[in-house]
N, C-alpha and C. Protein backbone atom coordinates (compact mmCIF):
# COMPACT_ATOMS: atom_id res chain seq x y z
N MET A 1 12.28 4.94 20.76
CA MET A 1 13.01 6.12 20.71
C MET A 1 14.65 5.89 20.77
N GLY A 2 15.10 4.90 19.70
CA GLY A 2 16.46 4.70 19.74
C GLY A 2 17.56 4.59 20.50
N GLY A 3 18.01 5.23 20.95
CA GLY A 3 19.20 5.01 22.15
C GLY A 3 18.65 5.03 23.37
N ASN A 4 17.74 5.76 23.78
CA ASN A 4 17.14 6.09 24.80
C ASN A 4 15.78 5.50 24.90
N SER A 5 15.52 4.21 25.81
CA SER A 5 14.57 3.40 26.13
C SER A 5 13.78 4.21 26.97
N CYS A 6 12.54 4.02 26.65
CA CYS A 6 11.28 4.81 27.62
C CYS A 6 11.45 3.90 29.10
N GLU A 7 11.76 2.60 28.85
CA GLU A 7 11.61 1.45 30.17
C GLU A 7 12.43 1.92 30.87
N TYR A 8 13.56 2.76 30.95
CA TYR A 8 14.45 3.04 31.58
C TYR A 8 14.61 4.62 32.10
N CYS A 9 13.73 5.33 31.65
CA CYS A 9 13.56 6.52 32.05
C CYS A 9 12.67 6.49 33.16
N ALA A 10 13.10 7.89 34.12
CA ALA A 10 12.60 8.17 35.44
C ALA A 10 11.21 8.90 35.17
N TYR A 11 10.86 9.21 33.69
CA TYR A 11 9.48 9.67 33.58
C TYR A 11 8.67 8.81 33.35
N PHE A 12 8.90 7.40 33.21
CA PHE A 12 8.19 6.56 32.62
C PHE A 12 7.58 5.78 33.90
N VAL A 13 6.17 6.06 34.33
CA VAL A 13 5.97 5.71 35.47
C VAL A 13 4.33 4.78 35.21
N TYR A 14 3.95 3.89 36.04
CA TYR A 14 2.87 3.06 36.04
C TYR A 14 1.95 3.71 36.50
N ASP A 15 0.72 4.19 35.77
CA ASP A 15 -0.42 4.79 36.28
C ASP A 15 -1.41 3.33 36.86
N GLU A 16 -2.07 3.29 37.77
CA GLU A 16 -2.73 2.33 38.36
C GLU A 16 -4.26 2.42 37.98
N GLU A 17 -4.65 3.87 37.72
CA GLU A 17 -5.89 3.99 37.10
C GLU A 17 -6.26 3.14 35.84
N TYR A 18 -5.03 3.50 34.92
CA TYR A 18 -5.32 2.96 33.58
C TYR A 18 -4.56 1.59 33.24
N GLU A 19 -3.70 1.21 34.35
CA GLU A 19 -3.04 -0.29 34.44
C GLU A 19 -2.27 -0.05 33.30
N GLU A 20 -1.59 0.81 33.16
CA GLU A 20 -0.37 1.01 32.04
C GLU A 20 0.54 2.10 32.15
N TYR A 21 1.67 1.78 31.64
CA TYR A 21 2.83 2.72 31.66
C TYR A 21 2.79 4.34 30.74
N GLU A 22 3.08 5.25 31.34
CA GLU A 22 2.96 6.71 30.58
C GLU A 22 3.97 7.24 30.84
N CYS A 23 4.51 8.14 29.62
CA CYS A 23 5.33 9.19 29.82
C CYS A 23 4.84 10.51 30.61
N GLN A 24 5.47 11.33 32.05
CA GLN A 24 4.89 12.05 32.82
C GLN A 24 5.84 13.29 32.41
N VAL A 25 6.30 13.33 31.13
CA VAL A 25 7.05 14.68 30.90
C VAL A 25 6.02 15.57 30.34
N ALA A 26 6.31 16.84 31.21
CA ALA A 26 5.00 18.15 30.81
C ALA A 26 5.58 18.71 29.39
N MET A 27 5.02 18.21 28.51
CA MET A 27 5.37 18.72 27.02
C MET A 27 4.15 19.06 26.40
N ASP A 28 3.90 20.29 25.76
CA ASP A 28 2.86 20.81 24.99
C ASP A 28 2.89 20.50 23.55
N GLU A 29 1.94 20.72 22.58
CA GLU A 29 1.79 19.88 21.24
C GLU A 29 2.88 20.50 20.20
N ASP A 30 3.41 21.45 20.55
CA ASP A 30 4.64 21.92 19.79
C ASP A 30 6.01 20.76 20.15
N ASP A 31 6.43 20.81 21.48
CA ASP A 31 7.22 19.95 21.86
C ASP A 31 7.02 18.49 21.20
N LEU A 32 5.78 18.00 21.38
CA LEU A 32 5.39 16.66 21.00
C LEU A 32 5.84 16.54 19.34
N TYR A 33 5.25 17.63 18.48
CA TYR A 33 5.48 17.58 17.07
C TYR A 33 6.94 17.65 16.63
N ARG A 34 7.92 18.43 17.61
CA ARG A 34 9.43 18.61 17.25
C ARG A 34 9.97 17.30 17.31
N LEU A 35 9.43 16.70 18.66
CA LEU A 35 10.26 15.46 19.06
C LEU A 35 9.85 14.36 17.79
N GLU A 36 8.70 14.32 17.39
CA GLU A 36 8.46 13.36 16.23
C GLU A 36 8.85 13.72 14.75
N MET A 37 9.05 14.81 14.65
CA MET A 37 9.77 15.29 13.44
C MET A 37 11.42 15.18 13.12
N THR A 38 11.93 14.95 14.18
CA THR A 38 13.36 15.23 14.33
C THR A 38 13.92 13.80 13.54
N LYS A 39 15.02 14.03 12.93
CA LYS A 39 16.01 12.84 12.22
C LYS A 39 16.44 12.09 13.24
N HIS A 40 16.81 12.47 14.29
CA HIS A 40 17.44 11.46 15.34
C HIS A 40 16.28 11.24 16.30
N LYS A 41 15.95 10.01 16.56
CA LYS A 41 15.01 9.48 17.05
C LYS A 41 15.31 9.32 18.75
N GLU A 42 15.97 10.07 19.27
CA GLU A 42 16.57 9.98 20.71
C GLU A 42 15.85 11.21 21.34
N CYS A 43 15.10 10.74 22.65
CA CYS A 43 14.11 11.65 23.51
C CYS A 43 15.16 12.67 24.10
N PRO A 44 14.85 14.14 23.79
CA PRO A 44 15.67 14.96 24.55
C PRO A 44 15.15 15.21 25.90
N TYR A 45 14.36 14.36 26.55
CA TYR A 45 13.60 14.46 27.93
C TYR A 45 14.30 13.20 29.04
N PHE A 46 14.94 12.13 28.12
CA PHE A 46 15.40 11.23 28.88
C PHE A 46 16.25 11.55 30.16
N ARG A 47 15.88 10.62 30.97
CA ARG A 47 16.66 10.98 32.32
C ARG A 47 16.93 9.49 32.73
N ALA A 48 17.92 8.89 33.11
CA ALA A 48 17.98 7.28 33.66
C ALA A 48 17.33 7.30 34.95
N GLY A 49 16.31 6.32 35.09
CA GLY A 49 15.89 6.25 36.18
C GLY A 49 16.88 5.46 37.16
N ASP A 50 16.40 5.92 38.60
CA ASP A 50 17.57 5.66 39.48
C ASP A 50 16.36 4.99 40.72
N GLU A 51 16.08 3.81 40.61
CA GLU A 51 15.46 3.23 41.66
C GLU A 51 16.21 3.22 43.10
N TYR A 52 17.20 3.27 43.29
CA TYR A 52 17.67 3.45 44.53
C TYR A 52 17.57 4.81 45.29
N LEU A 53 17.17 6.12 44.55
CA LEU A 53 17.26 7.30 44.85
C LEU A 53 16.82 7.37 46.12
N ILE A 54 15.51 6.85 46.75
CA ILE A 54 14.75 6.96 47.73
C ILE A 54 15.51 6.67 48.83
N ALA A 55 16.09 5.02 48.68
CA ALA A 55 16.46 4.47 49.42
C ALA A 55 17.92 5.09 50.31
N ARG A 56 18.42 5.74 49.48
CA ARG A 56 19.80 6.55 49.50
C ARG A 56 19.37 7.60 50.58
N LYS A 57 18.11 8.17 50.40
CA LYS A 57 17.87 9.57 51.21
C LYS A 57 17.21 9.19 52.77
N GLN A 58 17.23 7.98 52.91
CA GLN A 58 16.86 7.50 54.01
C GLN A 58 17.91 7.31 55.13
């Protein structure tokens, strides 16, 4: 998706049951269609992942 890579997104998590990564943003069919039809291929739901967030809260 252009400038925002899913690999660095906080919503891109590993599903142990299916043994693959998936996007966990709650989108309906209209949102998905709009995302695929835009000229700009950057995900509007991208949020930079922060793997140290939990450690800072401890």
